[in-house]
C-alpha atoms as a PDB file:
ATOM      1  CA  MET A   1     121.237 157.784  16.231  1.00  0.00           C
ATOM      2  CA  ARG A   2     120.810 154.781  13.943  1.00  0.00           C
ATOM      3  CA  THR A   3     123.169 151.876  14.530  1.00  0.00           C
ATOM      4  CA  ALA A   4     124.723 149.817  11.742  1.00  0.00           C
ATOM      5  CA  LYS A   5     122.519 146.889  12.788  1.00  0.00           C
ATOM      6  CA  THR A   6     119.369 149.028  12.596  1.00  0.00           C
ATOM      7  CA  ALA A   7     120.417 150.528   9.253  1.00  0.00           C
ATOM      8  CA  GLY A   8     121.068 147.027   7.926  1.00  0.00           C
ATOM      9  CA  ALA A   9     117.624 145.885   9.024  1.00  0.00           C
ATOM     10  CA  VAL A  10     116.025 148.880   7.309  1.00  0.00           C
ATOM     11  CA  VAL A  11     117.913 148.146   4.070  1.00  0.00           C
ATOM     12  CA  ALA A  12     116.997 144.443   4.268  1.00  0.00           C
ATOM     13  CA  ALA A  13     113.323 145.296   4.854  1.00  0.00           C
ATOM     14  CA  GLY A  14     113.404 147.649   1.872  1.00  0.00           C
ATOM     15  CA  LEU A  15     114.932 144.970  -0.334  1.00  0.00           C
ATOM     16  CA  LEU A  16     112.333 142.440   0.801  1.00  0.00           C
ATOM     17  CA  SER A  17     109.581 144.939   0.039  1.00  0.00           C
ATOM     18  CA  ALA A  18     111.027 145.641  -3.402  1.00  0.00           C
ATOM     19  CA  ALA A  19     111.365 141.918  -4.058  1.00  0.00           C
ATOM     20  CA  SER A  20     107.768 141.353  -2.993  1.00  0.00           C
ATOM     21  CA  LEU A  21     106.528 144.119  -5.284  1.00  0.00           C
ATOM     22  CA  SER A  22     108.627 142.772  -8.142  1.00  0.00           C
ATOM     23  CA  SER A  23     107.056 139.356  -7.615  1.00  0.00           C
ATOM     24  CA  ALA A  24     103.619 140.938  -7.577  1.00  0.00           C
ATOM     25  CA  GLN A  25     104.380 142.568 -10.939  1.00  0.00           C
ATOM     26  CA  ASP A  26     105.465 139.262 -12.386  1.00  0.00           C
ATOM     27  CA  ASP A  27     102.310 137.654 -11.035  1.00  0.00           C
ATOM     28  CA  ILE A  28      99.950 139.793 -13.129  1.00  0.00           C
ATOM     29  CA  ARG A  29     101.497 138.687 -16.409  1.00  0.00           C
ATOM     30  CA  GLY A  30      99.384 135.971 -17.993  1.00  0.00           C
ATOM     31  CA  LYS A  31      96.381 136.887 -15.854  1.00  0.00           C
ATOM     32  CA  PRO A  32      93.286 138.811 -16.907  1.00  0.00           C
ATOM     33  CA  ALA A  33      93.980 142.540 -16.994  1.00  0.00           C
ATOM     34  CA  PHE A  34      92.336 144.487 -14.185  1.00  0.00           C
ATOM     35  CA  ASN A  35      89.255 146.107 -15.674  1.00  0.00           C
ATOM     36  CA  PHE A  36      88.719 149.765 -14.918  1.00  0.00           C
ATOM     37  CA  SER A  37      86.298 152.481 -15.835  1.00  0.00           C
ATOM     38  CA  LEU A  38      87.892 155.919 -15.784  1.00  0.00           C
ATOM     39  CA  LYS A  39      87.223 159.343 -17.237  1.00  0.00           C
ATOM     40  CA  ASP A  40      89.317 160.477 -20.148  1.00  0.00           C
ATOM     41  CA  VAL A  41      90.703 164.013 -20.363  1.00  0.00           C
ATOM     42  CA  ASN A  42      87.423 165.093 -22.013  1.00  0.00           C
ATOM     43  CA  GLY A  43      85.313 163.726 -19.153  1.00  0.00           C
ATOM     44  CA  ARG A  44      84.057 160.657 -21.082  1.00  0.00           C
ATOM     45  CA  GLN A  45      83.898 157.425 -19.083  1.00  0.00           C
ATOM     46  CA  THR A  46      86.025 154.701 -20.690  1.00  0.00           C
ATOM     47  CA  SER A  47      86.330 151.071 -19.645  1.00  0.00           C
ATOM     48  CA  LEU A  48      89.121 148.651 -20.521  1.00  0.00           C
ATOM     49  CA  LYS A  49      86.546 146.004 -21.437  1.00  0.00           C
ATOM     50  CA  GLU A  50      85.443 148.250 -24.355  1.00  0.00           C
ATOM     51  CA  PHE A  51      88.644 147.177 -26.109  1.00  0.00           C
ATOM     52  CA  LYS A  52      88.234 143.386 -25.833  1.00  0.00           C
ATOM     53  CA  GLY A  53      89.513 141.777 -29.016  1.00  0.00           C
ATOM     54  CA  LYS A  54      92.132 144.509 -29.477  1.00  0.00           C
ATOM     55  CA  VAL A  55      95.768 144.624 -28.441  1.00  0.00           C
ATOM     56  CA  VAL A  56      96.013 147.328 -25.782  1.00  0.00           C
ATOM     57  CA  VAL A  57      99.072 149.244 -24.651  1.00  0.00           C
ATOM     58  CA  LEU A  58      98.477 150.729 -21.199  1.00  0.00           C
ATOM     59  CA  ASP A  59     101.008 153.475 -20.517  1.00  0.00           C
ATOM     60  CA  PHE A  60     101.138 154.857 -16.964  1.00  0.00           C
ATOM     61  CA  TRP A  61     102.682 158.330 -17.059  1.00  0.00           C
ATOM     62  CA  ALA A  62     102.676 161.826 -15.551  1.00  0.00           C
ATOM     63  CA  VAL A  63     103.343 165.334 -16.882  1.00  0.00           C
ATOM     64  CA  TRP A  64     106.271 165.798 -14.479  1.00  0.00           C
ATOM     65  CA  CYS A  65     108.029 162.609 -15.654  1.00  0.00           C
ATOM     66  CA  GLY A  66     110.749 163.427 -18.229  1.00  0.00           C
ATOM     67  CA  PRO A  67     110.965 159.924 -19.771  1.00  0.00           C
ATOM     68  CA  CYS A  68     107.148 159.805 -19.929  1.00  0.00           C
ATOM     69  CA  VAL A  69     107.036 163.035 -21.899  1.00  0.00           C
ATOM     70  CA  ARG A  70     109.688 161.731 -24.322  1.00  0.00           C
ATOM     71  CA  SER A  71     107.579 158.600 -24.896  1.00  0.00           C
ATOM     72  CA  LEU A  72     104.424 160.488 -25.962  1.00  0.00           C
ATOM     73  CA  PRO A  73     105.386 161.052 -29.638  1.00  0.00           C
ATOM     74  CA  PHE A  74     106.528 157.434 -29.948  1.00  0.00           C
ATOM     75  CA  LEU A  75     103.237 156.133 -28.521  1.00  0.00           C
ATOM     76  CA  GLN A  76     101.267 158.415 -30.844  1.00  0.00           C
ATOM     77  CA  ASN A  77     103.257 157.049 -33.776  1.00  0.00           C
ATOM     78  CA  LEU A  78     102.607 153.492 -32.580  1.00  0.00           C
ATOM     79  CA  GLN A  79      98.849 154.171 -32.449  1.00  0.00           C
ATOM     80  CA  ASP A  80      98.929 155.756 -35.904  1.00  0.00           C
ATOM     81  CA  LYS A  81     101.000 152.942 -37.401  1.00  0.00           C
ATOM     82  CA  TYR A  82      99.158 149.927 -35.924  1.00  0.00           C
ATOM     83  CA  GLY A  83      95.686 151.208 -35.044  1.00  0.00           C
ATOM     84  CA  ARG A  84      94.214 149.751 -38.236  1.00  0.00           C
ATOM     85  CA  ASP A  85      95.643 146.354 -37.175  1.00  0.00           C
ATOM     86  CA  GLY A  86      93.760 146.389 -33.874  1.00  0.00           C
ATOM     87  CA  LEU A  87      96.115 148.297 -31.550  1.00  0.00           C
ATOM     88  CA  VAL A  88      94.772 150.717 -28.961  1.00  0.00           C
ATOM     89  CA  VAL A  89      97.165 152.898 -26.958  1.00  0.00           C
ATOM     90  CA  ILE A  90      95.749 154.157 -23.665  1.00  0.00           C
ATOM     91  CA  GLY A  91      97.651 156.633 -21.533  1.00  0.00           C
ATOM     92  CA  LEU A  92      96.841 156.645 -17.819  1.00  0.00           C
ATOM     93  CA  HIS A  93      97.928 159.849 -16.092  1.00  0.00           C
ATOM     94  CA  VAL A  94      98.812 158.679 -12.577  1.00  0.00           C
ATOM     95  CA  ASP A  95      98.417 161.872 -10.592  1.00  0.00           C
ATOM     96  CA  ASP A  96      94.714 161.742  -9.841  1.00  0.00           C
ATOM     97  CA  ARG A  97      93.464 165.344 -10.249  1.00  0.00           C
ATOM     98  CA  ARG A  98      97.031 166.776 -10.131  1.00  0.00           C
ATOM     99  CA  PRO A  99      97.179 168.668 -12.372  1.00  0.00           C
ATOM    100  CA  PRO A 100      93.478 168.877 -13.156  1.00  0.00           C
ATOM    101  CA  SER A 101      92.358 166.877 -16.192  1.00  0.00           C
ATOM    102  CA  ASP A 102      91.821 170.029 -18.264  1.00  0.00           C
ATOM    103  CA  GLU A 103      95.514 170.874 -17.815  1.00  0.00           C
ATOM    104  CA  VAL A 104      96.517 167.320 -18.772  1.00  0.00           C
ATOM    105  CA  LYS A 105      94.286 167.670 -21.865  1.00  0.00           C
ATOM    106  CA  GLU A 106      95.957 170.967 -22.798  1.00  0.00           C
ATOM    107  CA  TYR A 107      99.384 169.414 -22.222  1.00  0.00           C
ATOM    108  CA  LEU A 108      98.546 166.549 -24.603  1.00  0.00           C
ATOM    109  CA  THR A 109      97.010 168.876 -27.208  1.00  0.00           C
ATOM    110  CA  GLU A 110     100.174 171.010 -27.250  1.00  0.00           C
ATOM    111  CA  ARG A 111     102.140 167.832 -28.029  1.00  0.00           C
ATOM    112  CA  ASP A 112      99.728 166.562 -30.729  1.00  0.00           C
ATOM    113  CA  VAL A 113      98.812 163.467 -28.713  1.00  0.00           C
ATOM    114  CA  SER A 114      95.397 162.168 -29.736  1.00  0.00           C
ATOM    115  CA  TYR A 115      95.331 158.573 -28.467  1.00  0.00           C
ATOM    116  CA  THR A 116      93.038 157.882 -25.516  1.00  0.00           C
ATOM    117  CA  ASN A 117      94.277 159.341 -22.240  1.00  0.00           C
ATOM    118  CA  LEU A 118      92.569 158.629 -18.944  1.00  0.00           C
ATOM    119  CA  ILE A 119      92.974 160.034 -15.470  1.00  0.00           C
ATOM    120  CA  SER A 120      94.055 157.075 -13.366  1.00  0.00           C
ATOM    121  CA  THR A 121      93.293 156.360  -9.728  1.00  0.00           C
ATOM    122  CA  THR A 122      95.290 154.855  -6.893  1.00  0.00           C
ATOM    123  CA  GLU A 123      93.220 151.670  -7.196  1.00  0.00           C
ATOM    124  CA  VAL A 124      94.146 151.211 -10.857  1.00  0.00           C
ATOM    125  CA  ASP A 125      97.808 152.104 -10.252  1.00  0.00           C
ATOM    126  CA  GLU A 126      98.002 149.581  -7.407  1.00  0.00           C
ATOM    127  CA  ASN A 127      96.301 146.810  -9.412  1.00  0.00           C
ATOM    128  CA  TYR A 128      98.913 147.284 -12.127  1.00  0.00           C
ATOM    129  CA  VAL A 129     101.680 147.581  -9.490  1.00  0.00           C
ATOM    130  CA  VAL A 130     103.020 150.842 -10.908  1.00  0.00           C
ATOM    131  CA  MET A 131     106.261 151.553  -9.039  1.00  0.00           C
ATOM    132  CA  ALA A 132     108.153 153.562 -11.665  1.00  0.00           C
ATOM    133  CA  MET A 133     107.217 155.686 -14.613  1.00  0.00           C
ATOM    134  CA  PRO A 134     106.561 155.272 -17.292  1.00  0.00           C
ATOM    135  CA  THR A 135     105.309 151.723 -16.857  1.00  0.00           C
ATOM    136  CA  THR A 136     103.783 150.164 -19.939  1.00  0.00           C
ATOM    137  CA  TYR A 137     101.669 147.021 -19.944  1.00  0.00           C
ATOM    138  CA  PHE A 138     100.596 145.011 -22.979  1.00  0.00           C
ATOM    139  CA  VAL A 139      97.165 143.392 -22.964  1.00  0.00           C
ATOM    140  CA  ASP A 140      96.462 140.722 -25.577  1.00  0.00           C
ATOM    141  CA  ARG A 141      93.264 140.295 -27.584  1.00  0.00           C
ATOM    142  CA  ASP A 142      91.900 137.927 -24.923  1.00  0.00           C
ATOM    143  CA  GLY A 143      92.271 140.577 -22.212  1.00  0.00           C
ATOM    144  CA  LYS A 144      95.303 139.024 -20.511  1.00  0.00           C
ATOM    145  CA  VAL A 145      98.430 140.882 -19.434  1.00  0.00           C
ATOM    146  CA  ALA A 146     101.036 139.765 -21.960  1.00  0.00           C
ATOM    147  CA  GLY A 147     104.013 141.839 -20.858  1.00  0.00           C
ATOM    148  CA  ARG A 148     105.440 144.919 -19.207  1.00  0.00           C
ATOM    149  CA  HIS A 149     108.064 147.541 -20.005  1.00  0.00           C
ATOM    150  CA  ILE A 150     109.395 149.908 -17.345  1.00  0.00           C
ATOM    151  CA  GLY A 151     110.985 153.244 -18.222  1.00  0.00           C
ATOM    152  CA  PHE A 152     111.638 154.854 -21.571  1.00  0.00           C
ATOM    153  CA  ASN A 153     115.176 154.953 -22.862  1.00  0.00           C
ATOM    154  CA  PRO A 154     114.752 156.535 -26.320  1.00  0.00           C
ATOM    155  CA  THR A 155     117.591 154.446 -27.767  1.00  0.00           C
ATOM    156  CA  LYS A 156     116.154 151.072 -26.671  1.00  0.00           C
ATOM    157  CA  ALA A 157     112.519 151.311 -25.583  1.00  0.00           C
ATOM    158  CA  PRO A 158     110.898 152.074 -28.953  1.00  0.00           C
ATOM    159  CA  GLU A 159     112.337 148.940 -30.550  1.00  0.00           C
ATOM    160  CA  GLU A 160     111.465 146.750 -27.536  1.00  0.00           C
ATOM    161  CA  ILE A 161     107.917 148.087 -27.240  1.00  0.00           C
ATOM    162  CA  GLU A 162     107.213 147.895 -30.967  1.00  0.00           C
ATOM    163  CA  LYS A 163     108.528 144.323 -31.076  1.00  0.00           C
ATOM    164  CA  GLN A 164     106.072 143.325 -28.318  1.00  0.00           C
ATOM    165  CA  VAL A 165     103.202 145.078 -30.114  1.00  0.00           C
ATOM    166  CA  LYS A 166     104.016 143.413 -33.439  1.00  0.00           C
ATOM    167  CA  THR A 167     104.171 140.013 -31.758  1.00  0.00           C
ATOM    168  CA  LEU A 168     100.753 140.518 -30.155  1.00  0.00           C
ATOM    169  CA  LEU A 169      99.303 141.741 -33.443  1.00  0.00           C
ATOM    170  CA  GLY A 170     100.721 138.710 -35.250  1.00  0.00           C
ATOM    171  CA  ARG A 171     102.985 140.846 -37.423  1.00  0.00           C
ATOM    172  CA  THR A 172     106.512 139.656 -37.908  1.00  0.00           C
ATOM    173  CA  THR A 173     107.540 142.145 -40.585  1.00  0.00           C
ATOM    174  CA  PRO A 174     107.571 145.956 -40.297  1.00  0.00           C
END
């Protein structure tokens, strides 16, 4: 049987852990983005450094995540709208090999998603301190982490994410 004192210690430890992880997330902003080389859903190896000089949106997601699925059309629209200005949207499916990449590819095809989608790994997820999904990071043209957005509320997130993208692209008008 857990005592109130023990339960309190467990809650306090959990809060300290959450606070530490939150600090770790804050710490990656302004620092060089962790470079990775991962396979896309077609099996092609893709590296973050390939996109140096571009503004990159890294979106960590999974097929089982409802808010992630709702964000897919928005992210596709963002890529279509700002790709010519130097934006690259990269989806990173967080469940390494679950489902298999061919099923993730089929899932994306059924939803008309054509921006780059990679199969992430635990190492990449940990380096970007992904604790909730979707988690979206913004990488500036110099390869530094410029911001983060957690979750996808369809009434607020699109405006917030697009504002960050426009700022990084140097666009102040729609």
